[in-house]
Amino acid sequence: MTDGNVIDLPDMPDLLRFSTLGKDQFSGTLAEVERTYIQKVLVSVKNNKTKAAEILGIDRKTLREKLKEKKL
């Protein structure tokens, strides 16, 4: 599978590669996962709501509503 001593993600067959997700990515309810994802996006753009909305693929107003709804 690989020439070195370590098997990395690109070395894995597609079936395994696309099923290896971080263990905390999908733990909890949909609302909790969405809340966590929004928080991570906001941190990554230093709380710039316009950039965060663009990354999330939603309108800035929708992001504001989600932030209020999820008490972020």
C-alpha atoms as a PDB file:
ATOM      1  CA  MET A   1       0.000   0.000   0.000  1.00  0.00           C
ATOM      2  CA  THR A   2       2.897   2.340   0.702  1.00  0.00           C
ATOM      3  CA  ASP A   3       6.670   2.469   0.359  1.00  0.00           C
ATOM      4  CA  GLY A   4       7.298   3.875   3.842  1.00  0.00           C
ATOM      5  CA  ASN A   5       6.602   2.689   7.369  1.00  0.00           C
ATOM      6  CA  VAL A   6       3.432   4.742   7.745  1.00  0.00           C
ATOM      7  CA  ILE A   7       0.120   4.252   5.959  1.00  0.00           C
ATOM      8  CA  ASP A   8      -1.379   7.688   5.434  1.00  0.00           C
ATOM      9  CA  LEU A   9      -4.888   8.651   4.285  1.00  0.00           C
ATOM     10  CA  PRO A  10      -3.964   8.978   0.575  1.00  0.00           C
ATOM     11  CA  ASP A  11      -2.560   5.431   0.695  1.00  0.00           C
ATOM     12  CA  MET A  12      -5.921   3.986   1.717  1.00  0.00           C
ATOM     13  CA  PRO A  13      -8.492   2.555  -0.705  1.00  0.00           C
ATOM     14  CA  ASP A  14     -11.351   4.963  -1.519  1.00  0.00           C
ATOM     15  CA  LEU A  15     -13.862   3.036   0.578  1.00  0.00           C
ATOM     16  CA  LEU A  16     -11.722   3.447   3.683  1.00  0.00           C
ATOM     17  CA  ARG A  17     -10.412   6.909   2.852  1.00  0.00           C
ATOM     18  CA  PHE A  18     -13.836   8.521   2.677  1.00  0.00           C
ATOM     19  CA  SER A  19     -15.157   6.722   5.739  1.00  0.00           C
ATOM     20  CA  THR A  20     -12.390   7.940   8.055  1.00  0.00           C
ATOM     21  CA  LEU A  21     -13.821  10.997   9.751  1.00  0.00           C
ATOM     22  CA  GLY A  22     -12.763  12.663  12.961  1.00  0.00           C
ATOM     23  CA  LYS A  23     -14.456  10.993  15.888  1.00  0.00           C
ATOM     24  CA  ASP A  24     -16.089  14.205  17.109  1.00  0.00           C
ATOM     25  CA  GLN A  25     -17.401  15.338  13.706  1.00  0.00           C
ATOM     26  CA  PHE A  26     -20.737  13.605  13.987  1.00  0.00           C
ATOM     27  CA  SER A  27     -21.301  13.114  17.666  1.00  0.00           C
ATOM     28  CA  GLY A  28     -24.486  14.653  18.982  1.00  0.00           C
ATOM     29  CA  THR A  29     -27.685  15.911  17.454  1.00  0.00           C
ATOM     30  CA  LEU A  30     -27.892  17.736  14.150  1.00  0.00           C
ATOM     31  CA  ALA A  31     -28.360  21.003  16.039  1.00  0.00           C
ATOM     32  CA  GLU A  32     -25.231  20.336  18.118  1.00  0.00           C
ATOM     33  CA  VAL A  33     -23.160  19.428  15.066  1.00  0.00           C
ATOM     34  CA  GLU A  34     -24.377  22.563  13.271  1.00  0.00           C
ATOM     35  CA  ARG A  35     -23.581  24.722  16.310  1.00  0.00           C
ATOM     36  CA  THR A  36     -20.071  23.279  16.582  1.00  0.00           C
ATOM     37  CA  TYR A  37     -19.424  23.700  12.866  1.00  0.00           C
ATOM     38  CA  ILE A  38     -20.589  27.324  12.889  1.00  0.00           C
ATOM     39  CA  GLN A  39     -18.348  28.010  15.893  1.00  0.00           C
ATOM     40  CA  LYS A  40     -15.326  26.483  14.143  1.00  0.00           C
ATOM     41  CA  VAL A  41     -15.965  28.499  10.987  1.00  0.00           C
ATOM     42  CA  LEU A  42     -16.325  31.718  13.004  1.00  0.00           C
ATOM     43  CA  VAL A  43     -13.051  31.045  14.825  1.00  0.00           C
ATOM     44  CA  SER A  44     -11.287  30.337  11.533  1.00  0.00           C
ATOM     45  CA  VAL A  45     -12.321  33.743  10.122  1.00  0.00           C
ATOM     46  CA  LYS A  46     -11.734  35.640  13.382  1.00  0.00           C
ATOM     47  CA  ASN A  47     -15.497  36.148  13.900  1.00  0.00           C
ATOM     48  CA  ASN A  48     -15.995  37.825  10.496  1.00  0.00           C
ATOM     49  CA  LYS A  49     -19.668  37.032   9.950  1.00  0.00           C
ATOM     50  CA  THR A  50     -19.632  37.971   6.269  1.00  0.00           C
ATOM     51  CA  LYS A  51     -16.789  35.542   5.528  1.00  0.00           C
ATOM     52  CA  ALA A  52     -18.352  32.878   7.751  1.00  0.00           C
ATOM     53  CA  ALA A  53     -21.673  33.146   5.886  1.00  0.00           C
ATOM     54  CA  GLU A  54     -19.843  32.793   2.574  1.00  0.00           C
ATOM     55  CA  ILE A  55     -18.021  29.668   3.772  1.00  0.00           C
ATOM     56  CA  LEU A  56     -21.254  28.210   5.146  1.00  0.00           C
ATOM     57  CA  GLY A  57     -23.075  28.979   1.901  1.00  0.00           C
ATOM     58  CA  ILE A  58     -25.799  30.970   3.610  1.00  0.00           C
ATOM     59  CA  ASP A  59     -26.924  34.586   3.692  1.00  0.00           C
ATOM     60  CA  ARG A  60     -25.452  36.793   6.425  1.00  0.00           C
ATOM     61  CA  LYS A  61     -28.981  37.340   7.786  1.00  0.00           C
ATOM     62  CA  THR A  62     -29.477  33.571   8.036  1.00  0.00           C
ATOM     63  CA  LEU A  63     -26.193  33.295   9.936  1.00  0.00           C
ATOM     64  CA  ARG A  64     -27.326  36.012  12.358  1.00  0.00           C
ATOM     65  CA  GLU A  65     -30.587  34.104  12.927  1.00  0.00           C
ATOM     66  CA  LYS A  66     -28.694  30.863  13.567  1.00  0.00           C
ATOM     67  CA  LEU A  67     -26.338  32.622  15.984  1.00  0.00           C
ATOM     68  CA  LYS A  68     -29.309  34.027  17.901  1.00  0.00           C
ATOM     69  CA  GLU A  69     -31.160  30.694  17.820  1.00  0.00           C
ATOM     70  CA  LYS A  70     -28.134  28.737  19.035  1.00  0.00           C
ATOM     71  CA  LYS A  71     -27.083  31.436  21.500  1.00  0.00           C
ATOM     72  CA  LEU A  72     -23.615  31.858  19.996  1.00  0.00           C
END
